């Protein structure tokens, strides 16, 4: 449940070939900046380089109050709303929403991802059609500043990373005002209740409910 292939359909991101080179998605975090520069230099006429190492598709909409830090790529049909703060190293896919007062840093957003209101997403990868409700955040550094460990039940997987937010699989829904603690991995098609404090590995096709109770979704 933790691998790149378990979490993501790689046909929905320009980072697909890059991610194929890793077993676990967090292994890709350290190379996102270099990936964006490499991809950006090969983009065609459909993109404009609005400033050094910042590429925006001609069909994307960027509010005049938004800040786009280098390097970053904003994909086709994506909307970057007022006062969004893209600090840099952000690969934003097609038809995404980066909303008001949202901050992005060292991230890959697959196509059709929505982070529309007051979200912080750092050192994270968000899968196809994943959505973070208003005020939901990725916490990417532990309070004691030790290296992040992915925990699944009694099993622990060291990552060697000091900064690691969350890995969201495809079609994940995160409820409003939730916090995803460092090293959180959420399987595809899973829902997180609003105001949740999430940590560890959440199985696919499940629901994280109040108090951290996890139940499988009912099949239709």
N, C-alpha and C. Protein backbone atom coordinates (compact mmCIF):
# COMPACT_ATOMS: atom_id res chain seq x y z
N UNK A 1 0.83 -1.21 0.00
CA UNK A 1 0.00 0.00 0.00
C UNK A 1 0.86 1.25 0.00
N UNK A 2 2.17 1.12 0.17
CA UNK A 2 3.03 2.28 0.33
C UNK A 2 3.77 2.67 -0.94
N UNK A 3 3.73 1.85 -1.95
CA UNK A 3 4.56 2.10 -3.12
C UNK A 3 3.93 3.12 -4.06
N UNK A 4 4.76 3.63 -4.95
CA UNK A 4 4.29 4.56 -5.97
C UNK A 4 3.14 3.95 -6.76
N UNK A 5 3.30 2.71 -7.18
CA UNK A 5 2.27 2.06 -8.00
C UNK A 5 0.99 1.78 -7.22
N UNK A 6 1.10 1.59 -5.91
CA UNK A 6 -0.08 1.38 -5.08
C UNK A 6 -0.93 2.64 -4.97
N UNK A 7 -0.26 3.79 -4.94
CA UNK A 7 -0.94 5.04 -4.62
C UNK A 7 -1.42 5.82 -5.84
N UNK A 8 -0.69 5.69 -6.97
CA UNK A 8 -0.90 6.65 -8.05
C UNK A 8 -1.06 6.01 -9.43
N UNK A 9 -1.92 6.65 -10.23
CA UNK A 9 -1.98 6.38 -11.66
C UNK A 9 -1.05 7.40 -12.31
N UNK A 10 0.10 6.96 -12.77
CA UNK A 10 1.15 7.87 -13.22
C UNK A 10 0.87 8.50 -14.58
N UNK A 11 -0.25 8.13 -15.20
CA UNK A 11 -0.61 8.77 -16.47
C UNK A 11 -1.17 10.18 -16.25
N UNK A 12 -1.40 10.56 -14.99
CA UNK A 12 -2.03 11.85 -14.70
C UNK A 12 -1.05 12.87 -14.13
N UNK A 13 0.20 12.80 -14.52
CA UNK A 13 1.18 13.78 -14.08
C UNK A 13 2.36 13.82 -15.04
N UNK A 14 2.93 15.00 -15.21
CA UNK A 14 4.14 15.14 -16.02
C UNK A 14 5.34 14.51 -15.33
N UNK A 15 5.19 14.16 -14.05
CA UNK A 15 6.27 13.52 -13.30
C UNK A 15 6.22 11.99 -13.37
N UNK A 16 5.39 11.45 -14.25
CA UNK A 16 5.20 10.00 -14.29
C UNK A 16 6.48 9.22 -14.50
N UNK A 17 7.26 9.58 -15.50
CA UNK A 17 8.50 8.86 -15.76
C UNK A 17 9.48 9.00 -14.60
N UNK A 18 9.50 10.16 -13.99
CA UNK A 18 10.37 10.38 -12.84
C UNK A 18 9.97 9.49 -11.67
N UNK A 19 8.69 9.43 -11.37
CA UNK A 19 8.22 8.66 -10.23
C UNK A 19 8.39 7.16 -10.43
N UNK A 20 8.40 6.74 -11.68
CA UNK A 20 8.61 5.31 -11.95
C UNK A 20 9.96 4.81 -11.44
N UNK A 21 10.89 5.72 -11.23
CA UNK A 21 12.23 5.34 -10.79
C UNK A 21 12.34 5.08 -9.30
N UNK A 22 11.23 5.19 -8.57
CA UNK A 22 11.26 5.03 -7.12
C UNK A 22 10.28 3.95 -6.68
N UNK A 23 10.63 3.28 -5.60
CA UNK A 23 9.71 2.33 -4.99
C UNK A 23 8.68 3.05 -4.14
N UNK A 24 9.16 3.94 -3.27
CA UNK A 24 8.28 4.67 -2.36
C UNK A 24 8.26 6.14 -2.76
N UNK A 25 7.11 6.78 -2.74
CA UNK A 25 7.01 8.13 -3.29
C UNK A 25 7.84 9.18 -2.57
N UNK A 26 8.02 9.02 -1.25
CA UNK A 26 8.80 10.03 -0.53
C UNK A 26 10.27 10.04 -0.98
N UNK A 27 10.73 8.97 -1.63
CA UNK A 27 12.09 8.97 -2.16
C UNK A 27 12.28 10.01 -3.26
N UNK A 28 11.17 10.46 -3.84
CA UNK A 28 11.22 11.43 -4.94
C UNK A 28 11.30 12.87 -4.46
N UNK A 29 11.09 13.13 -3.18
CA UNK A 29 10.98 14.51 -2.71
C UNK A 29 12.25 15.32 -2.93
N UNK A 30 13.39 14.70 -2.74
CA UNK A 30 14.65 15.45 -2.80
C UNK A 30 15.00 15.91 -4.21
N UNK A 31 14.38 15.33 -5.23
CA UNK A 31 14.73 15.68 -6.60
C UNK A 31 13.69 16.49 -7.34
N UNK A 32 12.67 16.98 -6.64
CA UNK A 32 11.58 17.70 -7.32
C UNK A 32 12.09 18.97 -7.99
N UNK A 33 12.94 19.71 -7.33
CA UNK A 33 13.46 20.95 -7.91
C UNK A 33 14.16 20.69 -9.23
N UNK A 34 15.04 19.71 -9.25
CA UNK A 34 15.77 19.40 -10.48
C UNK A 34 14.83 18.87 -11.57
N UNK A 35 13.83 18.11 -11.17
CA UNK A 35 12.84 17.61 -12.13
C UNK A 35 12.13 18.76 -12.82
N UNK A 36 11.68 19.74 -12.06
CA UNK A 36 10.94 20.85 -12.64
C UNK A 36 11.79 21.63 -13.62
N UNK A 37 13.03 21.88 -13.27
CA UNK A 37 13.93 22.61 -14.18
C UNK A 37 14.11 21.83 -15.48
N UNK A 38 14.31 20.53 -15.35
CA UNK A 38 14.50 19.70 -16.55
C UNK A 38 13.25 19.67 -17.42
N UNK A 39 12.10 19.50 -16.80
CA UNK A 39 10.85 19.49 -17.56
C UNK A 39 10.60 20.85 -18.20
N UNK A 40 10.83 21.91 -17.43
CA UNK A 40 10.55 23.25 -17.92
C UNK A 40 11.35 23.61 -19.15
N UNK A 41 12.58 23.18 -19.19
CA UNK A 41 13.43 23.50 -20.33
C UNK A 41 12.99 22.80 -21.60
N UNK A 42 12.16 21.77 -21.47
CA UNK A 42 11.68 21.05 -22.65
C UNK A 42 10.25 21.35 -23.03
N UNK A 43 9.60 22.28 -22.33
CA UNK A 43 8.21 22.60 -22.63
C UNK A 43 8.08 23.34 -23.96
N UNK A 44 6.96 23.14 -24.61
CA UNK A 44 6.74 23.74 -25.93
C UNK A 44 6.14 25.12 -25.87
N UNK A 45 5.62 25.55 -27.00
CA UNK A 45 5.09 26.91 -27.16
C UNK A 45 3.79 27.13 -26.39
N UNK A 46 3.19 26.07 -25.88
CA UNK A 46 1.96 26.24 -25.11
C UNK A 46 2.23 26.85 -23.74
N UNK A 47 3.50 26.90 -23.35
CA UNK A 47 3.87 27.48 -22.06
C UNK A 47 4.63 28.78 -22.24
N UNK A 48 4.44 29.69 -21.32
CA UNK A 48 5.20 30.93 -21.28
C UNK A 48 6.11 30.90 -20.05
N UNK A 49 7.35 31.29 -20.23
CA UNK A 49 8.25 31.44 -19.09
C UNK A 49 8.10 32.88 -18.59
N UNK A 50 7.29 33.04 -17.54
CA UNK A 50 6.92 34.38 -17.10
C UNK A 50 8.04 35.07 -16.33
N UNK A 51 8.95 34.28 -15.78
CA UNK A 51 10.19 34.77 -15.20
C UNK A 51 11.12 33.57 -15.13
N UNK A 52 12.40 33.75 -14.80
CA UNK A 52 13.33 32.62 -14.86
C UNK A 52 12.83 31.39 -14.09
N UNK A 53 12.74 30.27 -14.79
CA UNK A 53 12.37 28.97 -14.25
C UNK A 53 10.95 28.93 -13.67
N UNK A 54 10.08 29.78 -14.20
CA UNK A 54 8.66 29.73 -13.86
C UNK A 54 7.88 29.65 -15.17
N UNK A 55 7.25 28.49 -15.38
CA UNK A 55 6.54 28.24 -16.63
C UNK A 55 5.05 28.11 -16.35
N UNK A 56 4.24 28.82 -17.13
CA UNK A 56 2.79 28.82 -16.95
C UNK A 56 2.13 28.52 -18.29
N UNK A 57 1.24 27.53 -18.30
CA UNK A 57 0.54 27.20 -19.54
C UNK A 57 -0.36 28.37 -19.94
N UNK A 58 -0.50 28.56 -21.24
CA UNK A 58 -1.26 29.70 -21.74
C UNK A 58 -2.74 29.64 -21.38
N UNK A 59 -3.24 28.46 -21.05
CA UNK A 59 -4.65 28.34 -20.66
C UNK A 59 -4.84 28.42 -19.15
N UNK A 60 -3.76 28.51 -18.39
CA UNK A 60 -3.87 28.64 -16.94
C UNK A 60 -4.25 30.08 -16.58
N UNK A 61 -4.86 30.24 -15.42
CA UNK A 61 -5.24 31.56 -14.91
C UNK A 61 -4.50 31.80 -13.60
N UNK A 62 -3.73 32.89 -13.57
CA UNK A 62 -2.97 33.23 -12.36
C UNK A 62 -3.38 34.62 -11.91
N UNK A 63 -3.89 34.72 -10.70
CA UNK A 63 -4.31 36.02 -10.17
C UNK A 63 -3.12 36.95 -10.03
N UNK A 64 -3.33 38.25 -10.24
CA UNK A 64 -2.20 39.19 -10.15
C UNK A 64 -1.58 39.28 -8.77
N UNK A 65 -2.32 38.85 -7.74
CA UNK A 65 -1.78 38.89 -6.38
C UNK A 65 -1.07 37.61 -5.98
N UNK A 66 -1.08 36.61 -6.85
CA UNK A 66 -0.41 35.34 -6.54
C UNK A 66 1.10 35.49 -6.75
N UNK A 67 1.87 34.75 -5.96
CA UNK A 67 3.33 34.73 -6.09
C UNK A 67 3.77 33.37 -6.58
N UNK A 68 4.52 33.34 -7.66
CA UNK A 68 5.05 32.10 -8.22
C UNK A 68 6.57 32.11 -8.07
N UNK A 69 7.06 31.30 -7.15
CA UNK A 69 8.50 31.21 -6.92
C UNK A 69 9.13 30.14 -7.78
N UNK A 70 10.38 30.35 -8.15
CA UNK A 70 11.10 29.41 -9.00
C UNK A 70 11.73 28.29 -8.18
N UNK A 71 11.82 27.09 -8.84
CA UNK A 71 11.19 26.76 -10.11
C UNK A 71 9.78 26.24 -9.89
N UNK A 72 8.92 26.47 -10.85
CA UNK A 72 7.59 25.88 -10.79
C UNK A 72 7.00 25.80 -12.19
N UNK A 73 6.06 24.88 -12.34
CA UNK A 73 5.31 24.71 -13.57
C UNK A 73 3.83 24.69 -13.22
N UNK A 74 3.06 25.51 -13.91
CA UNK A 74 1.62 25.56 -13.72
C UNK A 74 0.96 25.01 -14.98
N UNK A 75 0.22 23.91 -14.85
CA UNK A 75 -0.29 23.18 -16.00
C UNK A 75 -1.51 23.79 -16.64
N UNK A 76 -1.91 23.18 -17.74
CA UNK A 76 -3.03 23.67 -18.54
C UNK A 76 -4.32 23.68 -17.74
N UNK A 77 -5.08 24.76 -17.91
CA UNK A 77 -6.39 24.85 -17.29
C UNK A 77 -6.40 25.05 -15.79
N UNK A 78 -5.24 25.20 -15.19
CA UNK A 78 -5.15 25.37 -13.74
C UNK A 78 -5.45 26.81 -13.34
N UNK A 79 -6.06 26.96 -12.17
CA UNK A 79 -6.38 28.28 -11.64
C UNK A 79 -5.59 28.52 -10.36
N UNK A 80 -4.78 29.57 -10.36
CA UNK A 80 -4.04 29.99 -9.17
C UNK A 80 -4.69 31.28 -8.68
N UNK A 81 -5.33 31.20 -7.54
CA UNK A 81 -6.19 32.29 -7.08
C UNK A 81 -5.44 33.34 -6.26
N UNK A 82 -6.19 34.34 -5.84
CA UNK A 82 -5.61 35.51 -5.16
C UNK A 82 -4.80 35.11 -3.93
N UNK A 83 -3.64 35.72 -3.82
CA UNK A 83 -2.76 35.60 -2.65
C UNK A 83 -2.22 34.19 -2.44
N UNK A 84 -2.28 33.35 -3.46
CA UNK A 84 -1.58 32.06 -3.37
C UNK A 84 -0.07 32.32 -3.33
N UNK A 85 0.64 31.50 -2.56
CA UNK A 85 2.08 31.66 -2.36
C UNK A 85 2.77 30.35 -2.75
N UNK A 86 3.27 30.31 -3.99
CA UNK A 86 4.03 29.15 -4.45
C UNK A 86 5.49 29.45 -4.17
N UNK A 87 6.02 28.88 -3.09
CA UNK A 87 7.37 29.22 -2.66
C UNK A 87 8.44 28.73 -3.63
N UNK A 88 8.12 27.67 -4.36
CA UNK A 88 9.07 27.11 -5.30
C UNK A 88 9.07 25.60 -5.26
N UNK A 89 9.70 25.00 -6.28
CA UNK A 89 9.76 23.54 -6.41
C UNK A 89 8.36 22.95 -6.36
N UNK A 90 7.48 23.53 -7.16
CA UNK A 90 6.09 23.06 -7.23
C UNK A 90 5.75 22.69 -8.67
N UNK A 91 5.42 21.43 -8.87
CA UNK A 91 4.96 20.94 -10.16
C UNK A 91 3.45 20.77 -10.04
N UNK A 92 2.71 21.70 -10.63
CA UNK A 92 1.25 21.72 -10.52
C UNK A 92 0.68 21.24 -11.85
N UNK A 93 -0.15 20.21 -11.80
CA UNK A 93 -0.65 19.57 -13.01
C UNK A 93 -1.75 20.35 -13.71
N UNK A 94 -2.47 19.66 -14.57
CA UNK A 94 -3.53 20.28 -15.35
C UNK A 94 -4.84 20.32 -14.56
N UNK A 95 -5.61 21.39 -14.82
CA UNK A 95 -6.96 21.54 -14.24
C UNK A 95 -6.98 21.46 -12.72
N UNK A 96 -5.95 22.02 -12.12
CA UNK A 96 -5.87 22.09 -10.66
C UNK A 96 -6.43 23.42 -10.16
N UNK A 97 -6.68 23.48 -8.86
CA UNK A 97 -7.03 24.73 -8.19
C UNK A 97 -6.05 24.94 -7.05
N UNK A 98 -5.35 26.05 -7.10
CA UNK A 98 -4.48 26.49 -6.00
C UNK A 98 -5.12 27.77 -5.48
N UNK A 99 -5.75 27.67 -4.32
CA UNK A 99 -6.69 28.71 -3.91
C UNK A 99 -6.09 29.87 -3.13
N UNK A 100 -6.99 30.70 -2.63
CA UNK A 100 -6.58 31.89 -1.90
C UNK A 100 -5.81 31.54 -0.64
N UNK A 101 -4.69 32.20 -0.47
CA UNK A 101 -3.84 32.04 0.71
C UNK A 101 -3.28 30.63 0.87
N UNK A 102 -3.22 29.87 -0.21
CA UNK A 102 -2.62 28.54 -0.20
C UNK A 102 -1.11 28.68 -0.39
N UNK A 103 -0.34 27.90 0.35
CA UNK A 103 1.11 27.89 0.22
C UNK A 103 1.57 26.51 -0.24
N UNK A 104 2.42 26.49 -1.28
CA UNK A 104 2.99 25.25 -1.81
C UNK A 104 4.50 25.32 -1.74
N UNK A 105 5.13 24.21 -1.38
CA UNK A 105 6.58 24.16 -1.32
C UNK A 105 7.06 22.73 -1.50
N UNK A 106 7.87 22.51 -2.52
CA UNK A 106 8.46 21.19 -2.80
C UNK A 106 7.37 20.11 -2.90
N UNK A 107 6.53 20.27 -3.91
CA UNK A 107 5.37 19.38 -4.06
C UNK A 107 5.17 18.97 -5.51
N UNK A 108 4.51 17.84 -5.66
CA UNK A 108 3.95 17.42 -6.95
C UNK A 108 2.44 17.32 -6.76
N UNK A 109 1.70 18.08 -7.55
CA UNK A 109 0.25 17.98 -7.59
C UNK A 109 -0.13 17.34 -8.92
N UNK A 110 -0.72 16.16 -8.85
CA UNK A 110 -1.20 15.49 -10.06
C UNK A 110 -2.31 16.33 -10.69
N UNK A 111 -2.76 15.92 -11.87
CA UNK A 111 -3.85 16.62 -12.54
C UNK A 111 -5.12 16.61 -11.68
N UNK A 112 -5.91 17.69 -11.80
CA UNK A 112 -7.23 17.79 -11.15
C UNK A 112 -7.18 17.79 -9.63
N UNK A 113 -6.04 18.16 -9.07
CA UNK A 113 -5.94 18.30 -7.62
C UNK A 113 -6.53 19.65 -7.21
N UNK A 114 -7.22 19.68 -6.07
CA UNK A 114 -7.77 20.92 -5.55
C UNK A 114 -7.26 21.19 -4.14
N UNK A 115 -6.57 22.30 -3.99
CA UNK A 115 -6.18 22.82 -2.67
C UNK A 115 -6.70 24.26 -2.63
N UNK A 116 -8.01 24.45 -2.42
CA UNK A 116 -8.66 25.70 -2.79
C UNK A 116 -8.73 26.79 -1.73
N UNK A 117 -8.52 26.46 -0.43
CA UNK A 117 -8.73 27.48 0.59
C UNK A 117 -7.79 27.29 1.78
N UNK A 118 -6.86 28.20 1.97
CA UNK A 118 -6.07 28.27 3.21
C UNK A 118 -5.33 26.97 3.53
N UNK A 119 -4.77 26.35 2.54
CA UNK A 119 -4.03 25.11 2.74
C UNK A 119 -2.53 25.35 2.73
N UNK A 120 -1.80 24.58 3.54
CA UNK A 120 -0.34 24.50 3.41
C UNK A 120 0.01 23.10 2.96
N UNK A 121 0.74 23.00 1.85
CA UNK A 121 1.17 21.71 1.34
C UNK A 121 2.67 21.78 1.10
N UNK A 122 3.42 21.07 1.90
CA UNK A 122 4.88 21.10 1.78
C UNK A 122 5.47 19.71 1.81
N UNK A 123 6.47 19.49 0.95
CA UNK A 123 7.19 18.21 0.90
C UNK A 123 6.22 17.04 0.81
N UNK A 124 5.32 17.15 -0.16
CA UNK A 124 4.21 16.21 -0.29
C UNK A 124 3.92 15.92 -1.75
N UNK A 125 3.21 14.81 -1.99
CA UNK A 125 2.73 14.46 -3.33
C UNK A 125 1.25 14.15 -3.23
N UNK A 126 0.45 14.86 -4.03
CA UNK A 126 -1.00 14.72 -4.01
C UNK A 126 -1.47 14.08 -5.31
N UNK A 127 -2.14 12.94 -5.20
CA UNK A 127 -2.54 12.16 -6.36
C UNK A 127 -3.72 12.73 -7.11
N UNK A 128 -4.01 12.11 -8.24
CA UNK A 128 -5.05 12.53 -9.18
C UNK A 128 -6.40 12.73 -8.49
N UNK A 129 -6.98 13.89 -8.72
CA UNK A 129 -8.31 14.25 -8.19
C UNK A 129 -8.38 14.20 -6.67
N UNK A 130 -7.24 14.35 -6.00
CA UNK A 130 -7.30 14.49 -4.55
C UNK A 130 -7.72 15.90 -4.19
N UNK A 131 -8.29 16.06 -3.02
CA UNK A 131 -8.87 17.35 -2.62
C UNK A 131 -8.63 17.56 -1.13
N UNK A 132 -8.14 18.75 -0.79
CA UNK A 132 -7.94 19.11 0.61
C UNK A 132 -8.95 20.19 0.97
N UNK A 133 -9.79 19.91 1.96
CA UNK A 133 -10.80 20.86 2.37
C UNK A 133 -10.18 22.12 2.98
N UNK A 134 -11.00 23.14 3.15
CA UNK A 134 -10.54 24.43 3.63
C UNK A 134 -9.80 24.29 4.96
N UNK A 135 -8.62 24.89 5.03
CA UNK A 135 -7.85 24.91 6.26
C UNK A 135 -7.09 23.64 6.58
N UNK A 136 -7.17 22.63 5.74
CA UNK A 136 -6.41 21.39 6.00
C UNK A 136 -4.95 21.59 5.60
N UNK A 137 -4.04 20.97 6.36
CA UNK A 137 -2.62 21.25 6.24
C UNK A 137 -1.80 19.97 6.24
N UNK A 138 -0.65 20.02 5.60
CA UNK A 138 0.37 18.99 5.78
C UNK A 138 1.42 19.55 6.74
N UNK A 139 1.66 18.85 7.82
CA UNK A 139 2.73 19.21 8.75
C UNK A 139 3.97 18.44 8.31
N UNK A 140 5.03 19.15 7.94
CA UNK A 140 6.14 18.47 7.28
C UNK A 140 7.40 18.35 8.12
N UNK A 141 7.40 18.83 9.36
CA UNK A 141 8.56 18.70 10.24
C UNK A 141 8.07 18.30 11.63
N UNK A 142 8.69 17.30 12.22
CA UNK A 142 8.32 16.88 13.57
C UNK A 142 8.72 17.94 14.59
N UNK A 143 7.99 18.01 15.68
CA UNK A 143 8.26 19.04 16.68
C UNK A 143 9.64 18.88 17.32
N UNK A 144 10.15 17.64 17.39
CA UNK A 144 11.48 17.43 17.96
C UNK A 144 12.58 17.43 16.90
N UNK A 145 12.19 17.71 15.65
CA UNK A 145 13.11 17.85 14.52
C UNK A 145 13.86 16.57 14.17
N UNK A 146 13.39 15.42 14.66
CA UNK A 146 14.03 14.16 14.29
C UNK A 146 13.54 13.70 12.92
N UNK A 147 14.20 12.70 12.36
CA UNK A 147 13.87 12.22 11.02
C UNK A 147 12.51 11.52 11.03
N UNK A 148 11.79 11.67 9.93
CA UNK A 148 10.43 11.15 9.82
C UNK A 148 10.44 9.65 9.59
N UNK A 149 9.56 8.95 10.28
CA UNK A 149 9.38 7.50 10.13
C UNK A 149 7.93 7.25 9.73
N UNK A 150 7.73 6.45 8.68
CA UNK A 150 6.38 6.06 8.28
C UNK A 150 5.96 4.87 9.15
N UNK A 151 4.81 5.01 9.81
CA UNK A 151 4.36 3.97 10.73
C UNK A 151 3.06 3.36 10.25
N UNK A 152 3.06 2.03 10.18
CA UNK A 152 1.88 1.28 9.81
C UNK A 152 1.67 0.19 10.85
N UNK A 153 0.77 0.45 11.79
CA UNK A 153 0.60 -0.49 12.89
C UNK A 153 1.88 -0.56 13.71
N UNK A 154 2.39 -1.75 13.90
CA UNK A 154 3.63 -1.92 14.67
C UNK A 154 4.87 -1.81 13.79
N UNK A 155 4.70 -1.69 12.49
CA UNK A 155 5.83 -1.60 11.57
C UNK A 155 6.26 -0.15 11.40
N UNK A 156 7.57 0.05 11.32
CA UNK A 156 8.12 1.38 11.12
C UNK A 156 9.11 1.36 9.95
N UNK A 157 9.03 2.39 9.11
CA UNK A 157 9.89 2.50 7.96
C UNK A 157 10.62 3.84 8.00
N UNK A 158 11.90 3.84 8.35
CA UNK A 158 12.66 5.10 8.36
C UNK A 158 12.76 5.68 6.95
N UNK A 159 12.63 7.00 6.85
CA UNK A 159 12.72 7.65 5.54
C UNK A 159 14.04 8.39 5.35
N UNK A 160 14.73 8.70 6.46
CA UNK A 160 15.94 9.50 6.36
C UNK A 160 15.69 10.96 6.07
N UNK A 161 14.42 11.38 6.13
CA UNK A 161 14.05 12.75 5.79
C UNK A 161 13.65 13.54 7.03
N UNK A 162 14.15 14.78 7.12
CA UNK A 162 13.70 15.67 8.18
C UNK A 162 12.39 16.34 7.78
N UNK A 163 12.22 16.58 6.48
CA UNK A 163 11.00 17.24 5.99
C UNK A 163 10.23 16.29 5.08
N UNK A 164 9.05 15.93 5.51
CA UNK A 164 8.20 14.99 4.76
C UNK A 164 6.78 15.22 5.26
N UNK A 165 5.93 15.75 4.38
CA UNK A 165 4.55 16.02 4.74
C UNK A 165 3.66 14.81 4.62
N UNK A 166 2.97 14.68 3.48
CA UNK A 166 2.02 13.59 3.31
C UNK A 166 2.01 13.12 1.86
N UNK A 167 1.71 11.84 1.70
CA UNK A 167 1.48 11.25 0.39
C UNK A 167 0.01 10.92 0.29
N UNK A 168 -0.70 11.59 -0.60
CA UNK A 168 -2.12 11.34 -0.81
C UNK A 168 -2.30 10.56 -2.10
N UNK A 169 -2.95 9.40 -2.01
CA UNK A 169 -3.24 8.63 -3.20
C UNK A 169 -4.30 9.30 -4.06
N UNK A 170 -4.58 8.71 -5.19
CA UNK A 170 -5.61 9.24 -6.09
C UNK A 170 -6.97 9.26 -5.39
N UNK A 171 -7.76 10.30 -5.69
CA UNK A 171 -9.15 10.42 -5.22
C UNK A 171 -9.27 10.45 -3.70
N UNK A 172 -8.29 11.02 -3.02
CA UNK A 172 -8.39 11.19 -1.57
C UNK A 172 -9.12 12.48 -1.24
N UNK A 173 -10.02 12.43 -0.26
CA UNK A 173 -10.75 13.60 0.21
C UNK A 173 -10.35 13.88 1.66
N UNK A 174 -9.78 15.05 1.89
CA UNK A 174 -9.38 15.44 3.25
C UNK A 174 -10.34 16.51 3.75
N UNK A 175 -10.97 16.26 4.90
CA UNK A 175 -11.96 17.18 5.43
C UNK A 175 -11.35 18.48 5.94
N UNK A 176 -12.19 19.49 6.08
CA UNK A 176 -11.75 20.83 6.49
C UNK A 176 -11.03 20.80 7.83
N UNK A 177 -10.01 21.66 7.93
CA UNK A 177 -9.28 21.90 9.18
C UNK A 177 -8.62 20.64 9.75
N UNK A 178 -8.24 19.72 8.87
CA UNK A 178 -7.50 18.54 9.30
C UNK A 178 -6.00 18.80 9.21
N UNK A 179 -5.25 18.09 10.05
CA UNK A 179 -3.79 18.15 10.03
C UNK A 179 -3.25 16.76 9.68
N UNK A 180 -2.45 16.71 8.62
CA UNK A 180 -1.78 15.47 8.23
C UNK A 180 -0.36 15.55 8.77
N UNK A 181 -0.06 14.74 9.77
CA UNK A 181 1.23 14.80 10.44
C UNK A 181 2.35 14.26 9.57
N UNK A 182 3.61 14.62 9.90
CA UNK A 182 4.74 14.18 9.07
C UNK A 182 4.74 12.67 8.85
N UNK A 183 4.91 12.28 7.60
CA UNK A 183 4.97 10.86 7.26
C UNK A 183 3.64 10.19 7.07
N UNK A 184 2.57 10.96 6.94
CA UNK A 184 1.25 10.38 6.70
C UNK A 184 1.16 9.87 5.26
N UNK A 185 0.60 8.68 5.09
CA UNK A 185 0.36 8.10 3.77
C UNK A 185 -1.10 7.66 3.72
N UNK A 186 -1.85 8.22 2.77
CA UNK A 186 -3.28 7.93 2.67
C UNK A 186 -3.56 7.20 1.36
N UNK A 187 -4.13 6.02 1.45
CA UNK A 187 -4.39 5.21 0.27
C UNK A 187 -5.46 5.80 -0.62
N UNK A 188 -5.51 5.39 -1.88
CA UNK A 188 -6.48 5.92 -2.84
C UNK A 188 -7.92 5.73 -2.37
N UNK A 189 -8.78 6.66 -2.80
CA UNK A 189 -10.23 6.57 -2.57
C UNK A 189 -10.61 6.57 -1.09
N UNK A 190 -9.80 7.24 -0.29
CA UNK A 190 -10.07 7.31 1.14
C UNK A 190 -10.55 8.70 1.53
N UNK A 191 -11.42 8.77 2.53
CA UNK A 191 -11.95 10.03 3.05
C UNK A 191 -11.47 10.25 4.47
N UNK A 192 -11.11 11.50 4.76
CA UNK A 192 -10.70 11.91 6.10
C UNK A 192 -11.76 12.85 6.66
N UNK A 193 -12.29 12.53 7.83
CA UNK A 193 -13.29 13.40 8.46
C UNK A 193 -12.71 14.79 8.73
N UNK A 194 -13.55 15.83 8.72
CA UNK A 194 -13.09 17.17 9.09
C UNK A 194 -12.50 17.20 10.50
N UNK A 195 -11.59 18.13 10.73
CA UNK A 195 -10.92 18.39 12.02
C UNK A 195 -10.17 17.17 12.54
N UNK A 196 -9.70 16.33 11.64
CA UNK A 196 -8.95 15.14 12.05
C UNK A 196 -7.47 15.46 12.24
N UNK A 197 -6.83 14.71 13.13
CA UNK A 197 -5.38 14.74 13.30
C UNK A 197 -4.87 13.38 12.85
N UNK A 198 -4.28 13.33 11.67
CA UNK A 198 -4.00 12.06 11.01
C UNK A 198 -2.50 11.77 11.08
N UNK A 199 -2.16 10.53 11.36
CA UNK A 199 -0.76 10.10 11.32
C UNK A 199 -0.69 8.65 10.88
N UNK A 200 0.46 8.27 10.34
CA UNK A 200 0.67 6.89 9.93
C UNK A 200 0.05 6.59 8.57
N UNK A 201 -0.22 5.33 8.35
CA UNK A 201 -0.73 4.84 7.07
C UNK A 201 -2.23 4.58 7.18
N UNK A 202 -2.98 5.18 6.26
CA UNK A 202 -4.43 4.99 6.22
C UNK A 202 -4.75 4.13 4.99
N UNK A 203 -5.44 3.01 5.15
CA UNK A 203 -5.66 2.09 4.05
C UNK A 203 -6.49 2.70 2.92
N UNK A 204 -6.39 2.13 1.72
CA UNK A 204 -7.22 2.59 0.62
C UNK A 204 -8.69 2.28 0.85
N UNK A 205 -9.55 3.05 0.18
CA UNK A 205 -11.00 2.82 0.22
C UNK A 205 -11.52 2.71 1.64
N UNK A 206 -11.08 3.64 2.49
CA UNK A 206 -11.51 3.63 3.87
C UNK A 206 -11.94 5.02 4.31
N UNK A 207 -12.41 5.12 5.54
CA UNK A 207 -12.82 6.40 6.11
C UNK A 207 -12.13 6.56 7.46
N UNK A 208 -11.41 7.67 7.60
CA UNK A 208 -10.81 8.03 8.90
C UNK A 208 -11.84 8.88 9.62
N UNK A 209 -12.37 8.34 10.73
CA UNK A 209 -13.46 9.00 11.43
C UNK A 209 -12.96 9.68 12.70
N UNK A 210 -13.87 10.30 13.42
CA UNK A 210 -13.53 11.01 14.65
C UNK A 210 -12.79 10.09 15.62
N UNK A 211 -11.70 10.63 16.18
CA UNK A 211 -10.91 9.86 17.12
C UNK A 211 -9.94 8.89 16.48
N UNK A 212 -9.78 8.98 15.17
CA UNK A 212 -8.83 8.11 14.48
C UNK A 212 -9.35 6.71 14.20
N UNK A 213 -10.64 6.51 14.33
CA UNK A 213 -11.24 5.22 13.98
C UNK A 213 -11.28 5.10 12.46
N UNK A 214 -10.78 3.97 11.94
CA UNK A 214 -10.73 3.76 10.50
C UNK A 214 -11.65 2.59 10.14
N UNK A 215 -12.56 2.83 9.21
CA UNK A 215 -13.48 1.79 8.77
C UNK A 215 -13.43 1.70 7.25
N UNK A 216 -13.64 0.51 6.69
CA UNK A 216 -13.69 0.39 5.22
C UNK A 216 -14.95 1.04 4.68
N UNK A 217 -14.81 1.60 3.48
CA UNK A 217 -15.99 2.13 2.81
C UNK A 217 -16.93 1.01 2.42
N UNK A 218 -18.21 1.29 2.45
CA UNK A 218 -19.19 0.32 1.99
C UNK A 218 -19.25 0.33 0.47
N UNK A 219 -19.22 -0.83 -0.12
CA UNK A 219 -19.31 -0.92 -1.57
C UNK A 219 -20.75 -0.67 -1.99
N UNK A 220 -20.91 -0.01 -3.13
CA UNK A 220 -22.25 0.30 -3.63
C UNK A 220 -22.88 -0.93 -4.30
